[in-house]
Amino acid sequence: MSLRSVEQTTSELRKLLARLREQDPALEAAAVRAAGLAHEHAAVLLALVEHPAADPGILVGGVVPVDRAVTAAELRCFLADAAGPGIREVTQAETTRGYPVVVTERILPGGAQLQAVVLDRAGARAAVFTLHSPSGRGWPDLAAVTGRFVTGVDFSACVL
């Protein structure tokens, strides 16, 4: 989706969601909120994630500067210690390109959320992806689609 303006992003989301409205009425409200947040936080990615066995989810992504070379282990420990309500799991892995990634999964009454933070080995930036499913139906399948996307992050092709 385009991120040129909040209005344009919202309009594109509404058109895309028109065919899905019967599936999950909460999805449109979540999409409108996501459009606003994506612009507020200068996101570079806003997408609808679909899987045949799941209700759709909204994926927001961006690249953020990192003040110091934080390790994945430090980030995982911090997130695990700061775990709020609904945190199911905080894990650490490596992408197919060798970048460390920390994944946090949260299950709440209002759906499910996955956040993946991919750290640039150079230590200057991180790619942050947040997937939100308002219904949570088919969550493992939806999260797997996002995981395949996140594992392909390549900082050598990204300029901050």
C-alpha atoms as a PDB file:
ATOM      1  CA  MET A   1       0.000   0.000   0.000  1.00  0.00           C
ATOM      2  CA  SER A   2       1.061   3.553  -0.594  1.00  0.00           C
ATOM      3  CA  LEU A   3       2.425   5.517   2.353  1.00  0.00           C
ATOM      4  CA  ARG A   4       2.307   8.951   0.659  1.00  0.00           C
ATOM      5  CA  SER A   5      -0.426  10.277   2.957  1.00  0.00           C
ATOM      6  CA  VAL A   6      -2.658   9.005   5.732  1.00  0.00           C
ATOM      7  CA  GLU A   7      -5.711   9.694   3.567  1.00  0.00           C
ATOM      8  CA  GLN A   8      -4.365   7.753   0.579  1.00  0.00           C
ATOM      9  CA  THR A   9      -3.247   4.824   2.730  1.00  0.00           C
ATOM     10  CA  THR A  10      -6.628   4.716   4.467  1.00  0.00           C
ATOM     11  CA  SER A  11      -8.458   4.868   1.135  1.00  0.00           C
ATOM     12  CA  GLU A  12      -6.395   2.010  -0.319  1.00  0.00           C
ATOM     13  CA  LEU A  13      -6.937  -0.078   2.812  1.00  0.00           C
ATOM     14  CA  ARG A  14     -10.687   0.499   2.708  1.00  0.00           C
ATOM     15  CA  LYS A  15     -10.873  -0.621  -0.929  1.00  0.00           C
ATOM     16  CA  LEU A  16      -8.833  -3.726  -0.152  1.00  0.00           C
ATOM     17  CA  LEU A  17     -10.896  -4.533   2.913  1.00  0.00           C
ATOM     18  CA  ALA A  18     -14.260  -4.079   1.192  1.00  0.00           C
ATOM     19  CA  ARG A  19     -14.142  -7.712   0.080  1.00  0.00           C
ATOM     20  CA  LEU A  20     -13.170  -8.885   3.577  1.00  0.00           C
ATOM     21  CA  ARG A  21     -15.664  -6.921   5.675  1.00  0.00           C
ATOM     22  CA  GLU A  22     -17.967  -9.901   6.222  1.00  0.00           C
ATOM     23  CA  GLN A  23     -15.032 -11.974   7.480  1.00  0.00           C
ATOM     24  CA  ASP A  24     -14.028  -9.630  10.286  1.00  0.00           C
ATOM     25  CA  PRO A  25     -15.684  -6.262  10.935  1.00  0.00           C
ATOM     26  CA  ALA A  26     -12.892  -5.341  13.389  1.00  0.00           C
ATOM     27  CA  LEU A  27     -10.316  -5.535  10.586  1.00  0.00           C
ATOM     28  CA  GLU A  28     -11.313  -2.210   9.029  1.00  0.00           C
ATOM     29  CA  ALA A  29     -10.988  -0.387  12.354  1.00  0.00           C
ATOM     30  CA  ALA A  30      -7.592  -2.005  12.920  1.00  0.00           C
ATOM     31  CA  ALA A  31      -6.508  -1.051   9.399  1.00  0.00           C
ATOM     32  CA  VAL A  32      -7.478   2.593   9.853  1.00  0.00           C
ATOM     33  CA  ARG A  33      -5.540   2.698  13.146  1.00  0.00           C
ATOM     34  CA  ALA A  34      -2.570   1.007  11.444  1.00  0.00           C
ATOM     35  CA  ALA A  35      -2.585   3.570   8.618  1.00  0.00           C
ATOM     36  CA  GLY A  36      -2.390   6.416  11.120  1.00  0.00           C
ATOM     37  CA  LEU A  37       0.324   4.749  13.179  1.00  0.00           C
ATOM     38  CA  ALA A  38       2.337   3.842  10.075  1.00  0.00           C
ATOM     39  CA  HIS A  39       2.467   7.494   9.081  1.00  0.00           C
ATOM     40  CA  GLU A  40       3.080   8.723  12.604  1.00  0.00           C
ATOM     41  CA  HIS A  41       6.090   6.413  12.986  1.00  0.00           C
ATOM     42  CA  ALA A  42       7.403   6.808   9.406  1.00  0.00           C
ATOM     43  CA  ALA A  43       6.868   3.150   8.481  1.00  0.00           C
ATOM     44  CA  VAL A  44       8.165   1.947   5.148  1.00  0.00           C
ATOM     45  CA  LEU A  45       5.794  -1.017   4.871  1.00  0.00           C
ATOM     46  CA  LEU A  46       2.074  -1.450   5.412  1.00  0.00           C
ATOM     47  CA  ALA A  47       0.544  -4.641   4.065  1.00  0.00           C
ATOM     48  CA  LEU A  48      -2.390  -6.962   4.459  1.00  0.00           C
ATOM     49  CA  VAL A  49      -1.189 -10.515   5.195  1.00  0.00           C
ATOM     50  CA  GLU A  50      -3.450 -13.358   4.132  1.00  0.00           C
ATOM     51  CA  HIS A  51      -3.497 -17.133   4.402  1.00  0.00           C
ATOM     52  CA  PRO A  52      -6.361 -19.404   3.259  1.00  0.00           C
ATOM     53  CA  ALA A  53      -6.725 -20.876   6.768  1.00  0.00           C
ATOM     54  CA  ALA A  54      -6.638 -17.548   8.622  1.00  0.00           C
ATOM     55  CA  ASP A  55      -8.364 -14.232   8.956  1.00  0.00           C
ATOM     56  CA  PRO A  56      -6.190 -11.474   7.479  1.00  0.00           C
ATOM     57  CA  GLY A  57      -3.692  -9.504   9.526  1.00  0.00           C
ATOM     58  CA  ILE A  58      -2.019  -6.150   9.138  1.00  0.00           C
ATOM     59  CA  LEU A  59       1.771  -5.915   8.886  1.00  0.00           C
ATOM     60  CA  VAL A  60       3.607  -2.654   9.581  1.00  0.00           C
ATOM     61  CA  GLY A  61       7.376  -2.391   9.158  1.00  0.00           C
ATOM     62  CA  GLY A  62      10.082   0.180   9.449  1.00  0.00           C
ATOM     63  CA  VAL A  63      13.785   0.697   9.904  1.00  0.00           C
ATOM     64  CA  VAL A  64      14.876   2.480  13.052  1.00  0.00           C
ATOM     65  CA  PRO A  65      18.281   3.715  14.212  1.00  0.00           C
ATOM     66  CA  VAL A  66      19.866   1.892  17.143  1.00  0.00           C
ATOM     67  CA  ASP A  67      21.958   3.960  19.559  1.00  0.00           C
ATOM     68  CA  ARG A  68      24.443   1.201  20.269  1.00  0.00           C
ATOM     69  CA  ALA A  69      25.205  -2.298  19.125  1.00  0.00           C
ATOM     70  CA  VAL A  70      22.599  -4.138  21.183  1.00  0.00           C
ATOM     71  CA  THR A  71      22.812  -7.900  20.932  1.00  0.00           C
ATOM     72  CA  ALA A  72      19.860 -10.149  20.259  1.00  0.00           C
ATOM     73  CA  ALA A  73      20.412 -11.834  23.637  1.00  0.00           C
ATOM     74  CA  GLU A  74      20.234  -8.460  25.420  1.00  0.00           C
ATOM     75  CA  LEU A  75      17.090  -7.496  23.523  1.00  0.00           C
ATOM     76  CA  ARG A  76      15.447 -10.875  24.200  1.00  0.00           C
ATOM     77  CA  CYS A  77      16.219 -10.631  27.930  1.00  0.00           C
ATOM     78  CA  PHE A  78      14.922  -7.056  28.085  1.00  0.00           C
ATOM     79  CA  LEU A  79      11.682  -7.956  26.309  1.00  0.00           C
ATOM     80  CA  ALA A  80      11.186 -11.083  28.417  1.00  0.00           C
ATOM     81  CA  ASP A  81      11.718  -9.072  31.634  1.00  0.00           C
ATOM     82  CA  ALA A  82       9.416  -6.278  30.454  1.00  0.00           C
ATOM     83  CA  ALA A  83       6.778  -8.734  29.249  1.00  0.00           C
ATOM     84  CA  GLY A  84       3.344  -7.279  29.656  1.00  0.00           C
ATOM     85  CA  PRO A  85      -0.067  -8.908  29.511  1.00  0.00           C
ATOM     86  CA  GLY A  86      -0.596 -11.635  26.986  1.00  0.00           C
ATOM     87  CA  ILE A  87       3.071 -12.249  26.144  1.00  0.00           C
ATOM     88  CA  ARG A  88       3.212 -15.880  25.149  1.00  0.00           C
ATOM     89  CA  GLU A  89       6.775 -16.156  23.978  1.00  0.00           C
ATOM     90  CA  VAL A  90       9.993 -14.206  23.360  1.00  0.00           C
ATOM     91  CA  THR A  91      12.435 -16.049  21.120  1.00  0.00           C
ATOM     92  CA  GLN A  92      15.734 -15.393  19.437  1.00  0.00           C
ATOM     93  CA  ALA A  93      16.830 -16.742  16.050  1.00  0.00           C
ATOM     94  CA  GLU A  94      18.766 -15.856  12.936  1.00  0.00           C
ATOM     95  CA  THR A  95      17.431 -14.932   9.488  1.00  0.00           C
ATOM     96  CA  THR A  96      18.460 -16.804   6.350  1.00  0.00           C
ATOM     97  CA  ARG A  97      20.918 -13.976   5.698  1.00  0.00           C
ATOM     98  CA  GLY A  98      22.491 -14.326   9.133  1.00  0.00           C
ATOM     99  CA  TYR A  99      20.916 -11.346  10.907  1.00  0.00           C
ATOM    100  CA  PRO A 100      19.871 -11.833  14.538  1.00  0.00           C
ATOM    101  CA  VAL A 101      16.117 -11.544  15.117  1.00  0.00           C
ATOM    102  CA  VAL A 102      14.059 -11.382  18.302  1.00  0.00           C
ATOM    103  CA  VAL A 103      10.382 -12.339  18.061  1.00  0.00           C
ATOM    104  CA  THR A 104       7.707 -11.523  20.624  1.00  0.00           C
ATOM    105  CA  GLU A 105       4.259 -13.083  20.436  1.00  0.00           C
ATOM    106  CA  ARG A 106       1.283 -11.659  22.323  1.00  0.00           C
ATOM    107  CA  ILE A 107      -2.204 -13.175  22.546  1.00  0.00           C
ATOM    108  CA  LEU A 108      -4.925 -10.874  23.880  1.00  0.00           C
ATOM    109  CA  PRO A 109      -8.723 -10.883  23.888  1.00  0.00           C
ATOM    110  CA  GLY A 110      -8.543  -8.410  20.962  1.00  0.00           C
ATOM    111  CA  GLY A 111      -6.512 -10.757  18.768  1.00  0.00           C
ATOM    112  CA  ALA A 112      -2.888 -11.705  18.351  1.00  0.00           C
ATOM    113  CA  GLN A 113       0.283  -9.714  17.724  1.00  0.00           C
ATOM    114  CA  LEU A 114       3.756 -10.683  16.632  1.00  0.00           C
ATOM    115  CA  GLN A 115       6.695  -8.304  16.671  1.00  0.00           C
ATOM    116  CA  ALA A 116       9.988  -9.195  15.011  1.00  0.00           C
ATOM    117  CA  VAL A 117      13.089  -7.055  15.460  1.00  0.00           C
ATOM    118  CA  VAL A 118      15.872  -7.833  12.994  1.00  0.00           C
ATOM    119  CA  LEU A 119      19.206  -6.360  14.089  1.00  0.00           C
ATOM    120  CA  ASP A 120      21.762  -5.092  11.609  1.00  0.00           C
ATOM    121  CA  ARG A 121      25.082  -6.741  12.456  1.00  0.00           C
ATOM    122  CA  ALA A 122      26.739  -3.339  11.983  1.00  0.00           C
ATOM    123  CA  GLY A 123      24.724  -2.131  14.978  1.00  0.00           C
ATOM    124  CA  ALA A 124      23.395   1.099  13.469  1.00  0.00           C
ATOM    125  CA  ARG A 125      19.787   0.076  12.797  1.00  0.00           C
ATOM    126  CA  ALA A 126      17.053  -2.482  13.230  1.00  0.00           C
ATOM    127  CA  ALA A 127      14.078  -3.491  11.099  1.00  0.00           C
ATOM    128  CA  VAL A 128      10.919  -3.700  13.195  1.00  0.00           C
ATOM    129  CA  PHE A 129       7.858  -5.591  11.952  1.00  0.00           C
ATOM    130  CA  THR A 130       4.520  -5.788  13.748  1.00  0.00           C
ATOM    131  CA  LEU A 131       1.773  -8.157  12.627  1.00  0.00           C
ATOM    132  CA  HIS A 132      -1.684  -7.744  14.149  1.00  0.00           C
ATOM    133  CA  SER A 133      -4.608 -10.111  13.719  1.00  0.00           C
ATOM    134  CA  PRO A 134      -7.820  -8.649  15.179  1.00  0.00           C
ATOM    135  CA  SER A 135      -9.504 -12.067  15.367  1.00  0.00           C
ATOM    136  CA  GLY A 136      -6.548 -14.377  15.937  1.00  0.00           C
ATOM    137  CA  ARG A 137      -8.230 -17.074  13.800  1.00  0.00           C
ATOM    138  CA  GLY A 138      -5.555 -19.097  12.027  1.00  0.00           C
ATOM    139  CA  TRP A 139      -2.827 -17.207  13.880  1.00  0.00           C
ATOM    140  CA  PRO A 140      -0.043 -19.823  13.462  1.00  0.00           C
ATOM    141  CA  ASP A 141      -0.528 -19.830   9.669  1.00  0.00           C
ATOM    142  CA  LEU A 142      -0.592 -16.034   9.475  1.00  0.00           C
ATOM    143  CA  ALA A 143       2.506 -15.728  11.673  1.00  0.00           C
ATOM    144  CA  ALA A 144       4.313 -18.263   9.465  1.00  0.00           C
ATOM    145  CA  VAL A 145       3.659 -16.147   6.341  1.00  0.00           C
ATOM    146  CA  THR A 146       5.128 -13.140   8.109  1.00  0.00           C
ATOM    147  CA  GLY A 147       8.081 -15.184   9.352  1.00  0.00           C
ATOM    148  CA  ARG A 148       8.990 -16.154   5.792  1.00  0.00           C
ATOM    149  CA  PHE A 149       8.914 -12.471   4.846  1.00  0.00           C
ATOM    150  CA  VAL A 150      10.983 -11.302   7.835  1.00  0.00           C
ATOM    151  CA  THR A 151      13.646 -13.944   7.364  1.00  0.00           C
ATOM    152  CA  GLY A 152      14.527 -12.382   3.975  1.00  0.00           C
ATOM    153  CA  VAL A 153      15.502  -8.966   5.400  1.00  0.00           C
ATOM    154  CA  ASP A 154      18.732  -7.724   3.802  1.00  0.00           C
ATOM    155  CA  PHE A 155      20.308  -4.594   5.269  1.00  0.00           C
ATOM    156  CA  SER A 156      22.879  -4.419   2.456  1.00  0.00           C
ATOM    157  CA  ALA A 157      20.023  -3.333   0.158  1.00  0.00           C
ATOM    158  CA  CYS A 158      18.568  -0.837   2.681  1.00  0.00           C
ATOM    159  CA  VAL A 159      19.777   2.697   3.246  1.00  0.00           C
ATOM    160  CA  LEU A 160      18.802   4.551   6.431  1.00  0.00           C
END
